[in-house]
Amino acid sequence: MSIIDIACEESRTRGDARVIAVHLKIGRMSGVVSEALLSAFELAREDTLLAAAELKIEDMPVRVHCPQCGCEQLADSIQCLCCSVCGTLSPEITQGCELEVVAMELEPMEVV
């Protein structure tokens, strides 16, 4: 399901509320380029309930569970999944792969 579909469906369940903004979390390892997504969103929103909506993106860093430290830490980089504190290589990514719609700003339609 696309971001547009998700937002339109939510708008319809709330009486065709006007969509002001859609908030996303995009992980650095998601494979999504934020600038490309923003450009595509501008084209895709035309002639939909989201025609005036804004796409707000929160960039999510990569975090790993460090087996040495025993807790979640930032990774050195997306190319090196090592704990940023002790440098131990980690096999477990805990954040940074997501592409999620996390919130929407809606405004009820005015009844005339």
Foldseek 3Di string as FASTA:
>chain_A
DDPLVVVQVVCVVQVNWQWAEWEKEAFQQQPDDVVVVQVVCCVVCPPGSPPNHHYHYDYKAKWAQAPVVRGIAGAPHPVARAHPPPRHGGPGIDDRNDIDGDDTDTHGDDDD
